[in-house]
Amino acid sequence: TKFSEKHTQSFIEPFEAAFGDREGVQVVQLNIEENWAKAMVLQ
């Protein structure tokens, strides 16, 4: 959900601040929409 983005962002920001473009370390974000009606809105 949109509500949970602030949760994950609170971890991503210090992670990127510590490692930046360091080779072998990365951030991968997964956005999941299980409802077909909301999936159309997300598209």
ModelCIF file with pLDDT and N, C-alpha, C, O atoms, coordinates in Angstrom:
data_MODEL
#
_entry.id   MODEL 
#
_entity.id                         1 
_entity.type                       polymer 
_entity.pdbx_number_of_molecules   1 
#
_entity_poly.entity_id                      1 
_entity_poly.type                           'polypeptide(L)' 
_entity_poly.nstd_linkage                   no 
_entity_poly.nstd_monomer                   no 
_entity_poly.pdbx_seq_one_letter_code       TKFSEKHTQSFIEPFEAAFGDREGVQVVQLNIEENWAKAMVLQ 
_entity_poly.pdbx_seq_one_letter_code_can   TKFSEKHTQSFIEPFEAAFGDREGVQVVQLNIEENWAKAMVLQ 
_entity_poly.pdbx_strand_id                 A 
#
loop_
_entity_poly_seq.entity_id 
_entity_poly_seq.num 
_entity_poly_seq.mon_id 
_entity_poly_seq.hetero 
1 1  THR n 
1 2  LYS n 
1 3  PHE n 
1 4  SER n 
1 5  GLU n 
1 6  LYS n 
1 7  HIS n 
1 8  THR n 
1 9  GLN n 
1 10 SER n 
1 11 PHE n 
1 12 ILE n 
1 13 GLU n 
1 14 PRO n 
1 15 PHE n 
1 16 GLU n 
1 17 ALA n 
1 18 ALA n 
1 19 PHE n 
1 20 GLY n 
1 21 ASP n 
1 22 ARG n 
1 23 GLU n 
1 24 GLY n 
1 25 VAL n 
1 26 GLN n 
1 27 VAL n 
1 28 VAL n 
1 29 GLN n 
1 30 LEU n 
1 31 ASN n 
1 32 ILE n 
1 33 GLU n 
1 34 GLU n 
1 35 ASN n 
1 36 TRP n 
1 37 ALA n 
1 38 LYS n 
1 39 ALA n 
1 40 MET n 
1 41 VAL n 
1 42 LEU n 
1 43 GLN n 
#
_struct_asym.id          A 
_struct_asym.entity_id   1 
#
loop_
_ma_qa_metric.id 
_ma_qa_metric.mode 
_ma_qa_metric.name 
_ma_qa_metric.software_group_id 
_ma_qa_metric.type 
1 global pLDDT . pLDDT 
2 local  pLDDT . pLDDT 
#
_ma_qa_metric_global.metric_id      1 
_ma_qa_metric_global.metric_value   90.93 
_ma_qa_metric_global.model_id       1 
_ma_qa_metric_global.ordinal_id     1 
#
loop_
_ma_qa_metric_local.label_asym_id 
_ma_qa_metric_local.label_comp_id 
_ma_qa_metric_local.label_seq_id 
_ma_qa_metric_local.metric_id 
_ma_qa_metric_local.metric_value 
_ma_qa_metric_local.model_id 
_ma_qa_metric_local.ordinal_id 
A THR 1  2 90.00 1 1  
A LYS 2  2 90.00 1 2  
A PHE 3  2 91.00 1 3  
A SER 4  2 92.00 1 4  
A GLU 5  2 93.00 1 5  
A LYS 6  2 94.00 1 6  
A HIS 7  2 95.00 1 7  
A THR 8  2 95.00 1 8  
A GLN 9  2 95.00 1 9  
A SER 10 2 95.00 1 10 
A PHE 11 2 96.00 1 11 
A ILE 12 2 95.00 1 12 
A GLU 13 2 94.00 1 13 
A PRO 14 2 95.00 1 14 
A PHE 15 2 95.00 1 15 
A GLU 16 2 93.00 1 16 
A ALA 17 2 93.00 1 17 
A ALA 18 2 93.00 1 18 
A PHE 19 2 92.00 1 19 
A GLY 20 2 85.00 1 20 
A ASP 21 2 82.00 1 21 
A ARG 22 2 87.00 1 22 
A GLU 23 2 89.00 1 23 
A GLY 24 2 90.00 1 24 
A VAL 25 2 94.00 1 25 
A GLN 26 2 94.00 1 26 
A VAL 27 2 95.00 1 27 
A VAL 28 2 95.00 1 28 
A GLN 29 2 95.00 1 29 
A LEU 30 2 95.00 1 30 
A ASN 31 2 94.00 1 31 
A ILE 32 2 93.00 1 32 
A GLU 33 2 91.00 1 33 
A GLU 34 2 87.00 1 34 
A ASN 35 2 84.00 1 35 
A TRP 36 2 83.00 1 36 
A ALA 37 2 84.00 1 37 
A LYS 38 2 84.00 1 38 
A ALA 39 2 86.00 1 39 
A MET 40 2 88.00 1 40 
A VAL 41 2 86.00 1 41 
A LEU 42 2 86.00 1 42 
A GLN 43 2 87.00 1 43 
#
loop_
_atom_site.group_PDB 
_atom_site.id 
_atom_site.type_symbol 
_atom_site.label_atom_id 
_atom_site.label_alt_id 
_atom_site.label_comp_id 
_atom_site.label_asym_id 
_atom_site.label_entity_id 
_atom_site.label_seq_id 
_atom_site.pdbx_PDB_ins_code 
_atom_site.Cartn_x 
_atom_site.Cartn_y 
_atom_site.Cartn_z 
_atom_site.occupancy 
_atom_site.B_iso_or_equiv 
_atom_site.pdbx_formal_charge 
_atom_site.auth_seq_id 
_atom_site.auth_comp_id 
_atom_site.auth_asym_id 
_atom_site.auth_atom_id 
_atom_site.pdbx_PDB_model_num 
ATOM 1   N N  . THR A 1 1  ? 0.840  -1.188 0.000   1.00 90.00 ? 1  THR A N  1 
ATOM 2   C CA . THR A 1 1  ? 0.000  0.000  0.000   1.00 90.00 ? 1  THR A CA 1 
ATOM 3   C C  . THR A 1 1  ? 0.881  1.246  0.000   1.00 90.00 ? 1  THR A C  1 
ATOM 4   O O  . THR A 1 1  ? 2.085  1.187  0.248   1.00 90.00 ? 1  THR A O  1 
ATOM 5   N N  . LYS A 1 2  ? 0.230  2.384  -0.290  1.00 90.00 ? 2  LYS A N  1 
ATOM 6   C CA . LYS A 1 2  ? 0.920  3.670  -0.224  1.00 90.00 ? 2  LYS A CA 1 
ATOM 7   C C  . LYS A 1 2  ? 1.322  3.985  1.209   1.00 90.00 ? 2  LYS A C  1 
ATOM 8   O O  . LYS A 1 2  ? 2.356  4.610  1.440   1.00 90.00 ? 2  LYS A O  1 
ATOM 9   N N  . PHE A 1 3  ? 0.516  3.559  2.171   1.00 91.00 ? 3  PHE A N  1 
ATOM 10  C CA . PHE A 1 3  ? 0.791  3.819  3.578   1.00 91.00 ? 3  PHE A CA 1 
ATOM 11  C C  . PHE A 1 3  ? 2.113  3.207  4.021   1.00 91.00 ? 3  PHE A C  1 
ATOM 12  O O  . PHE A 1 3  ? 2.792  3.763  4.884   1.00 91.00 ? 3  PHE A O  1 
ATOM 13  N N  . SER A 1 4  ? 2.488  2.062  3.437   1.00 92.00 ? 4  SER A N  1 
ATOM 14  C CA . SER A 1 4  ? 3.691  1.355  3.886   1.00 92.00 ? 4  SER A CA 1 
ATOM 15  C C  . SER A 1 4  ? 4.968  1.902  3.261   1.00 92.00 ? 4  SER A C  1 
ATOM 16  O O  . SER A 1 4  ? 6.058  1.481  3.649   1.00 92.00 ? 4  SER A O  1 
ATOM 17  N N  . GLU A 1 5  ? 4.874  2.827  2.306   1.00 93.00 ? 5  GLU A N  1 
ATOM 18  C CA . GLU A 1 5  ? 6.079  3.339  1.653   1.00 93.00 ? 5  GLU A CA 1 
ATOM 19  C C  . GLU A 1 5  ? 6.968  4.106  2.623   1.00 93.00 ? 5  GLU A C  1 
ATOM 20  O O  . GLU A 1 5  ? 8.194  4.044  2.531   1.00 93.00 ? 5  GLU A O  1 
ATOM 21  N N  . LYS A 1 6  ? 6.343  4.837  3.563   1.00 94.00 ? 6  LYS A N  1 
ATOM 22  C CA . LYS A 1 6  ? 7.160  5.576  4.536   1.00 94.00 ? 6  LYS A CA 1 
ATOM 23  C C  . LYS A 1 6  ? 7.912  4.624  5.465   1.00 94.00 ? 6  LYS A C  1 
ATOM 24  O O  . LYS A 1 6  ? 8.969  4.976  5.988   1.00 94.00 ? 6  LYS A O  1 
ATOM 25  N N  . HIS A 1 7  ? 7.372  3.417  5.674   1.00 95.00 ? 7  HIS A N  1 
ATOM 26  C CA . HIS A 1 7  ? 8.063  2.435  6.509   1.00 95.00 ? 7  HIS A CA 1 
ATOM 27  C C  . HIS A 1 7  ? 9.337  1.957  5.828   1.00 95.00 ? 7  HIS A C  1 
ATOM 28  O O  . HIS A 1 7  ? 10.418 2.006  6.415   1.00 95.00 ? 7  HIS A O  1 
ATOM 29  N N  . THR A 1 8  ? 9.210  1.497  4.597   1.00 95.00 ? 8  THR A N  1 
ATOM 30  C CA . THR A 1 8  ? 10.389 0.980  3.893   1.00 95.00 ? 8  THR A CA 1 
ATOM 31  C C  . THR A 1 8  ? 11.388 2.094  3.581   1.00 95.00 ? 8  THR A C  1 
ATOM 32  O O  . THR A 1 8  ? 12.596 1.857  3.570   1.00 95.00 ? 8  THR A O  1 
ATOM 33  N N  . GLN A 1 9  ? 10.896 3.294  3.332   1.00 95.00 ? 9  GLN A N  1 
ATOM 34  C CA . GLN A 1 9  ? 11.802 4.400  3.026   1.00 95.00 ? 9  GLN A CA 1 
ATOM 35  C C  . GLN A 1 9  ? 12.657 4.755  4.230   1.00 95.00 ? 9  GLN A C  1 
ATOM 36  O O  . GLN A 1 9  ? 13.779 5.235  4.066   1.00 95.00 ? 9  GLN A O  1 
ATOM 37  N N  . SER A 1 10 ? 12.149 4.530  5.442   1.00 95.00 ? 10 SER A N  1 
ATOM 38  C CA . SER A 1 10 ? 12.943 4.814  6.641   1.00 95.00 ? 10 SER A CA 1 
ATOM 39  C C  . SER A 1 10 ? 14.137 3.875  6.771   1.00 95.00 ? 10 SER A C  1 
ATOM 40  O O  . SER A 1 10 ? 15.078 4.181  7.503   1.00 95.00 ? 10 SER A O  1 
ATOM 41  N N  . PHE A 1 11 ? 14.118 2.727  6.069   1.00 96.00 ? 11 PHE A N  1 
ATOM 42  C CA . PHE A 1 11 ? 15.265 1.819  6.036   1.00 96.00 ? 11 PHE A CA 1 
ATOM 43  C C  . PHE A 1 11 ? 16.152 2.097  4.812   1.00 96.00 ? 11 PHE A C  1 
ATOM 44  O O  . PHE A 1 11 ? 17.376 1.992  4.891   1.00 96.00 ? 11 PHE A O  1 
ATOM 45  N N  . ILE A 1 12 ? 15.531 2.448  3.695   1.00 95.00 ? 12 ILE A N  1 
ATOM 46  C CA . ILE A 1 12 ? 16.300 2.647  2.460   1.00 95.00 ? 12 ILE A CA 1 
ATOM 47  C C  . ILE A 1 12 ? 17.221 3.858  2.565   1.00 95.00 ? 12 ILE A C  1 
ATOM 48  O O  . ILE A 1 12 ? 18.360 3.811  2.099   1.00 95.00 ? 12 ILE A O  1 
ATOM 49  N N  . GLU A 1 13 ? 16.743 4.936  3.171   1.00 94.00 ? 13 GLU A N  1 
ATOM 50  C CA . GLU A 1 13 ? 17.545 6.157  3.248   1.00 94.00 ? 13 GLU A CA 1 
ATOM 51  C C  . GLU A 1 13 ? 18.847 5.954  4.006   1.00 94.00 ? 13 GLU A C  1 
ATOM 52  O O  . GLU A 1 13 ? 19.894 6.324  3.475   1.00 94.00 ? 13 GLU A O  1 
ATOM 53  N N  . PRO A 1 14 ? 18.856 5.386  5.223   1.00 95.00 ? 14 PRO A N  1 
ATOM 54  C CA . PRO A 1 14 ? 20.160 5.163  5.878   1.00 95.00 ? 14 PRO A CA 1 
ATOM 55  C C  . PRO A 1 14 ? 21.002 4.107  5.173   1.00 95.00 ? 14 PRO A C  1 
ATOM 56  O O  . PRO A 1 14 ? 22.230 4.150  5.251   1.00 95.00 ? 14 PRO A O  1 
ATOM 57  N N  . PHE A 1 15 ? 20.368 3.164  4.490   1.00 95.00 ? 15 PHE A N  1 
ATOM 58  C CA . PHE A 1 15 ? 21.117 2.146  3.757   1.00 95.00 ? 15 PHE A CA 1 
ATOM 59  C C  . PHE A 1 15 ? 21.886 2.775  2.605   1.00 95.00 ? 15 PHE A C  1 
ATOM 60  O O  . PHE A 1 15 ? 23.072 2.498  2.429   1.00 95.00 ? 15 PHE A O  1 
ATOM 61  N N  . GLU A 1 16 ? 21.226 3.614  1.821   1.00 93.00 ? 16 GLU A N  1 
ATOM 62  C CA . GLU A 1 16 ? 21.909 4.269  0.701   1.00 93.00 ? 16 GLU A CA 1 
ATOM 63  C C  . GLU A 1 16 ? 22.909 5.303  1.192   1.00 93.00 ? 16 GLU A C  1 
ATOM 64  O O  . GLU A 1 16 ? 23.940 5.519  0.554   1.00 93.00 ? 16 GLU A O  1 
ATOM 65  N N  . ALA A 1 17 ? 22.616 5.947  2.323   1.00 93.00 ? 17 ALA A N  1 
ATOM 66  C CA . ALA A 1 17 ? 23.582 6.911  2.860   1.00 93.00 ? 17 ALA A CA 1 
ATOM 67  C C  . ALA A 1 17 ? 24.873 6.224  3.295   1.00 93.00 ? 17 ALA A C  1 
ATOM 68  O O  . ALA A 1 17 ? 25.948 6.819  3.227   1.00 93.00 ? 17 ALA A O  1 
ATOM 69  N N  . ALA A 1 18 ? 24.770 4.976  3.740   1.00 93.00 ? 18 ALA A N  1 
ATOM 70  C CA . ALA A 1 18 ? 25.951 4.256  4.214   1.00 93.00 ? 18 ALA A CA 1 
ATOM 71  C C  . ALA A 1 18 ? 26.735 3.610  3.080   1.00 93.00 ? 18 ALA A C  1 
ATOM 72  O O  . ALA A 1 18 ? 27.963 3.547  3.142   1.00 93.00 ? 18 ALA A O  1 
ATOM 73  N N  . PHE A 1 19 ? 26.055 3.132  2.052   1.00 92.00 ? 19 PHE A N  1 
ATOM 74  C CA . PHE A 1 19 ? 26.729 2.348  1.012   1.00 92.00 ? 19 PHE A CA 1 
ATOM 75  C C  . PHE A 1 19 ? 26.743 3.045  -0.345  1.00 92.00 ? 19 PHE A C  1 
ATOM 76  O O  . PHE A 1 19 ? 27.659 2.806  -1.133  1.00 92.00 ? 19 PHE A O  1 
ATOM 77  N N  . GLY A 1 20 ? 25.775 3.887  -0.646  1.00 85.00 ? 20 GLY A N  1 
ATOM 78  C CA . GLY A 1 20 ? 25.780 4.627  -1.898  1.00 85.00 ? 20 GLY A CA 1 
ATOM 79  C C  . GLY A 1 20 ? 25.837 3.706  -3.109  1.00 85.00 ? 20 GLY A C  1 
ATOM 80  O O  . GLY A 1 20 ? 24.990 2.829  -3.275  1.00 85.00 ? 20 GLY A O  1 
ATOM 81  N N  . ASP A 1 21 ? 26.837 3.915  -3.946  1.00 82.00 ? 21 ASP A N  1 
ATOM 82  C CA . ASP A 1 21 ? 27.014 3.103  -5.164  1.00 82.00 ? 21 ASP A CA 1 
ATOM 83  C C  . ASP A 1 21 ? 28.038 1.990  -4.962  1.00 82.00 ? 21 ASP A C  1 
ATOM 84  O O  . ASP A 1 21 ? 28.689 1.575  -5.921  1.00 82.00 ? 21 ASP A O  1 
ATOM 85  N N  . ARG A 1 22 ? 28.186 1.515  -3.774  1.00 87.00 ? 22 ARG A N  1 
ATOM 86  C CA . ARG A 1 22 ? 29.164 0.464  -3.491  1.00 87.00 ? 22 ARG A CA 1 
ATOM 87  C C  . ARG A 1 22 ? 28.844 -0.781 -4.297  1.00 87.00 ? 22 ARG A C  1 
ATOM 88  O O  . ARG A 1 22 ? 27.693 -1.215 -4.351  1.00 87.00 ? 22 ARG A O  1 
ATOM 89  N N  . GLU A 1 23 ? 29.836 -1.342 -4.908  1.00 89.00 ? 23 GLU A N  1 
ATOM 90  C CA . GLU A 1 23 ? 29.649 -2.525 -5.758  1.00 89.00 ? 23 GLU A CA 1 
ATOM 91  C C  . GLU A 1 23 ? 29.341 -3.747 -4.894  1.00 89.00 ? 23 GLU A C  1 
ATOM 92  O O  . GLU A 1 23 ? 29.971 -3.968 -3.860  1.00 89.00 ? 23 GLU A O  1 
ATOM 93  N N  . GLY A 1 24 ? 28.368 -4.531 -5.335  1.00 90.00 ? 24 GLY A N  1 
ATOM 94  C CA . GLY A 1 24 ? 27.980 -5.734 -4.618  1.00 90.00 ? 24 GLY A CA 1 
ATOM 95  C C  . GLY A 1 24 ? 26.898 -5.519 -3.591  1.00 90.00 ? 24 GLY A C  1 
ATOM 96  O O  . GLY A 1 24 ? 26.452 -6.477 -2.960  1.00 90.00 ? 24 GLY A O  1 
ATOM 97  N N  . VAL A 1 25 ? 26.459 -4.276 -3.404  1.00 94.00 ? 25 VAL A N  1 
ATOM 98  C CA . VAL A 1 25 ? 25.389 -3.955 -2.451  1.00 94.00 ? 25 VAL A CA 1 
ATOM 99  C C  . VAL A 1 25 ? 24.342 -3.126 -3.202  1.00 94.00 ? 25 VAL A C  1 
ATOM 100 O O  . VAL A 1 25 ? 24.686 -2.198 -3.934  1.00 94.00 ? 25 VAL A O  1 
ATOM 101 N N  . GLN A 1 26 ? 23.074 -3.466 -3.016  1.00 94.00 ? 26 GLN A N  1 
ATOM 102 C CA . GLN A 1 26 ? 22.026 -2.788 -3.770  1.00 94.00 ? 26 GLN A CA 1 
ATOM 103 C C  . GLN A 1 26 ? 20.717 -2.766 -2.989  1.00 94.00 ? 26 GLN A C  1 
ATOM 104 O O  . GLN A 1 26 ? 20.555 -3.451 -1.979  1.00 94.00 ? 26 GLN A O  1 
ATOM 105 N N  . VAL A 1 27 ? 19.791 -1.953 -3.494  1.00 95.00 ? 27 VAL A N  1 
ATOM 106 C CA . VAL A 1 27 ? 18.429 -1.873 -2.975  1.00 95.00 ? 27 VAL A CA 1 
ATOM 107 C C  . VAL A 1 27 ? 17.472 -2.338 -4.067  1.00 95.00 ? 27 VAL A C  1 
ATOM 108 O O  . VAL A 1 27 ? 17.539 -1.855 -5.198  1.00 95.00 ? 27 VAL A O  1 
ATOM 109 N N  . VAL A 1 28 ? 16.593 -3.259 -3.741  1.00 95.00 ? 28 VAL A N  1 
ATOM 110 C CA . VAL A 1 28 ? 15.554 -3.736 -4.648  1.00 95.00 ? 28 VAL A CA 1 
ATOM 111 C C  . VAL A 1 28 ? 14.203 -3.481 -3.991  1.00 95.00 ? 28 VAL A C  1 
ATOM 112 O O  . VAL A 1 28 ? 13.981 -3.869 -2.844  1.00 95.00 ? 28 VAL A O  1 
ATOM 113 N N  . GLN A 1 29 ? 13.307 -2.833 -4.715  1.00 95.00 ? 29 GLN A N  1 
ATOM 114 C CA . GLN A 1 29 ? 11.972 -2.518 -4.204  1.00 95.00 ? 29 GLN A CA 1 
ATOM 115 C C  . GLN A 1 29 ? 10.936 -3.352 -4.947  1.00 95.00 ? 29 GLN A C  1 
ATOM 116 O O  . GLN A 1 29 ? 10.983 -3.489 -6.170  1.00 95.00 ? 29 GLN A O  1 
ATOM 117 N N  . LEU A 1 30 ? 10.003 -3.904 -4.183  1.00 95.00 ? 30 LEU A N  1 
ATOM 118 C CA . LEU A 1 30 ? 8.939  -4.744 -4.725  1.00 95.00 ? 30 LEU A CA 1 
ATOM 119 C C  . LEU A 1 30 ? 7.591  -4.133 -4.348  1.00 95.00 ? 30 LEU A C  1 
ATOM 120 O O  . LEU A 1 30 ? 7.273  -3.982 -3.168  1.00 95.00 ? 30 LEU A O  1 
ATOM 121 N N  . ASN A 1 31 ? 6.812  -3.785 -5.361  1.00 94.00 ? 31 ASN A N  1 
ATOM 122 C CA . ASN A 1 31 ? 5.484  -3.201 -5.164  1.00 94.00 ? 31 ASN A CA 1 
ATOM 123 C C  . ASN A 1 31 ? 4.457  -4.234 -5.626  1.00 94.00 ? 31 ASN A C  1 
ATOM 124 O O  . ASN A 1 31 ? 4.440  -4.612 -6.797  1.00 94.00 ? 31 ASN A O  1 
ATOM 125 N N  . ILE A 1 32 ? 3.602  -4.689 -4.711  1.00 93.00 ? 32 ILE A N  1 
ATOM 126 C CA . ILE A 1 32 ? 2.647  -5.764 -4.989  1.00 93.00 ? 32 ILE A CA 1 
ATOM 127 C C  . ILE A 1 32 ? 1.234  -5.229 -4.878  1.00 93.00 ? 32 ILE A C  1 
ATOM 128 O O  . ILE A 1 32 ? 0.901  -4.525 -3.925  1.00 93.00 ? 32 ILE A O  1 
ATOM 129 N N  . GLU A 1 33 ? 0.405  -5.563 -5.853  1.00 91.00 ? 33 GLU A N  1 
ATOM 130 C CA . GLU A 1 33 ? -1.018 -5.228 -5.801  1.00 91.00 ? 33 GLU A CA 1 
ATOM 131 C C  . GLU A 1 33 ? -1.811 -6.491 -6.109  1.00 91.00 ? 33 GLU A C  1 
ATOM 132 O O  . GLU A 1 33 ? -1.772 -6.999 -7.229  1.00 91.00 ? 33 GLU A O  1 
ATOM 133 N N  . GLU A 1 34 ? -2.531 -6.995 -5.109  1.00 87.00 ? 34 GLU A N  1 
ATOM 134 C CA . GLU A 1 34 ? -3.273 -8.245 -5.258  1.00 87.00 ? 34 GLU A CA 1 
ATOM 135 C C  . GLU A 1 34 ? -4.686 -8.033 -5.779  1.00 87.00 ? 34 GLU A C  1 
ATOM 136 O O  . GLU A 1 34 ? -5.264 -8.952 -6.360  1.00 87.00 ? 34 GLU A O  1 
ATOM 137 N N  . ASN A 1 35 ? -5.253 -6.862 -5.589  1.00 84.00 ? 35 ASN A N  1 
ATOM 138 C CA . ASN A 1 35 ? -6.610 -6.580 -6.027  1.00 84.00 ? 35 ASN A CA 1 
ATOM 139 C C  . ASN A 1 35 ? -6.599 -6.151 -7.487  1.00 84.00 ? 35 ASN A C  1 
ATOM 140 O O  . ASN A 1 35 ? -5.831 -5.266 -7.865  1.00 84.00 ? 35 ASN A O  1 
ATOM 141 N N  . TRP A 1 36 ? -7.450 -6.772 -8.320  1.00 83.00 ? 36 TRP A N  1 
ATOM 142 C CA . TRP A 1 36 ? -7.412 -6.485 -9.763  1.00 83.00 ? 36 TRP A CA 1 
ATOM 143 C C  . TRP A 1 36 ? -7.894 -5.068 -10.064 1.00 83.00 ? 36 TRP A C  1 
ATOM 144 O O  . TRP A 1 36 ? -7.415 -4.443 -11.011 1.00 83.00 ? 36 TRP A O  1 
ATOM 145 N N  . ALA A 1 37 ? -8.834 -4.554 -9.271  1.00 84.00 ? 37 ALA A N  1 
ATOM 146 C CA . ALA A 1 37 ? -9.326 -3.194 -9.511  1.00 84.00 ? 37 ALA A CA 1 
ATOM 147 C C  . ALA A 1 37 ? -8.250 -2.164 -9.170  1.00 84.00 ? 37 ALA A C  1 
ATOM 148 O O  . ALA A 1 37 ? -8.043 -1.201 -9.909  1.00 84.00 ? 37 ALA A O  1 
ATOM 149 N N  . LYS A 1 38 ? -7.562 -2.379 -8.033  1.00 84.00 ? 38 LYS A N  1 
ATOM 150 C CA . LYS A 1 38 ? -6.477 -1.469 -7.671  1.00 84.00 ? 38 LYS A CA 1 
ATOM 151 C C  . LYS A 1 38 ? -5.290 -1.615 -8.609  1.00 84.00 ? 38 LYS A C  1 
ATOM 152 O O  . LYS A 1 38 ? -4.531 -0.666 -8.807  1.00 84.00 ? 38 LYS A O  1 
ATOM 153 N N  . ALA A 1 39 ? -5.127 -2.800 -9.187  1.00 86.00 ? 39 ALA A N  1 
ATOM 154 C CA . ALA A 1 39 ? -4.033 -2.998 -10.135 1.00 86.00 ? 39 ALA A CA 1 
ATOM 155 C C  . ALA A 1 39 ? -4.215 -2.114 -11.367 1.00 86.00 ? 39 ALA A C  1 
ATOM 156 O O  . ALA A 1 39 ? -3.238 -1.593 -11.904 1.00 86.00 ? 39 ALA A O  1 
ATOM 157 N N  . MET A 1 40 ? -5.453 -1.943 -11.816 1.00 88.00 ? 40 MET A N  1 
ATOM 158 C CA . MET A 1 40 ? -5.703 -1.057 -12.950 1.00 88.00 ? 40 MET A CA 1 
ATOM 159 C C  . MET A 1 40 ? -5.349 0.387  -12.596 1.00 88.00 ? 40 MET A C  1 
ATOM 160 O O  . MET A 1 40 ? -4.796 1.114  -13.421 1.00 88.00 ? 40 MET A O  1 
ATOM 161 N N  . VAL A 1 41 ? -5.667 0.798  -11.372 1.00 86.00 ? 41 VAL A N  1 
ATOM 162 C CA . VAL A 1 41 ? -5.319 2.152  -10.928 1.00 86.00 ? 41 VAL A CA 1 
ATOM 163 C C  . VAL A 1 41 ? -3.808 2.321  -10.843 1.00 86.00 ? 41 VAL A C  1 
ATOM 164 O O  . VAL A 1 41 ? -3.270 3.363  -11.218 1.00 86.00 ? 41 VAL A O  1 
ATOM 165 N N  . LEU A 1 42 ? -3.118 1.277  -10.343 1.00 86.00 ? 42 LEU A N  1 
ATOM 166 C CA . LEU A 1 42 ? -1.662 1.343  -10.232 1.00 86.00 ? 42 LEU A CA 1 
ATOM 167 C C  . LEU A 1 42 ? -1.007 1.456  -11.606 1.00 86.00 ? 42 LEU A C  1 
ATOM 168 O O  . LEU A 1 42 ? -0.020 2.174  -11.761 1.00 86.00 ? 42 LEU A O  1 
ATOM 169 N N  . GLN A 1 43 ? -1.537 0.765  -12.586 1.00 87.00 ? 43 GLN A N  1 
ATOM 170 C CA . GLN A 1 43 ? -0.988 0.875  -13.938 1.00 87.00 ? 43 GLN A CA 1 
ATOM 171 C C  . GLN A 1 43 ? -1.121 2.293  -14.483 1.00 87.00 ? 43 GLN A C  1 
ATOM 172 O O  . GLN A 1 43 ? -0.709 2.561  -15.611 1.00 87.00 ? 43 GLN A O  1 
#
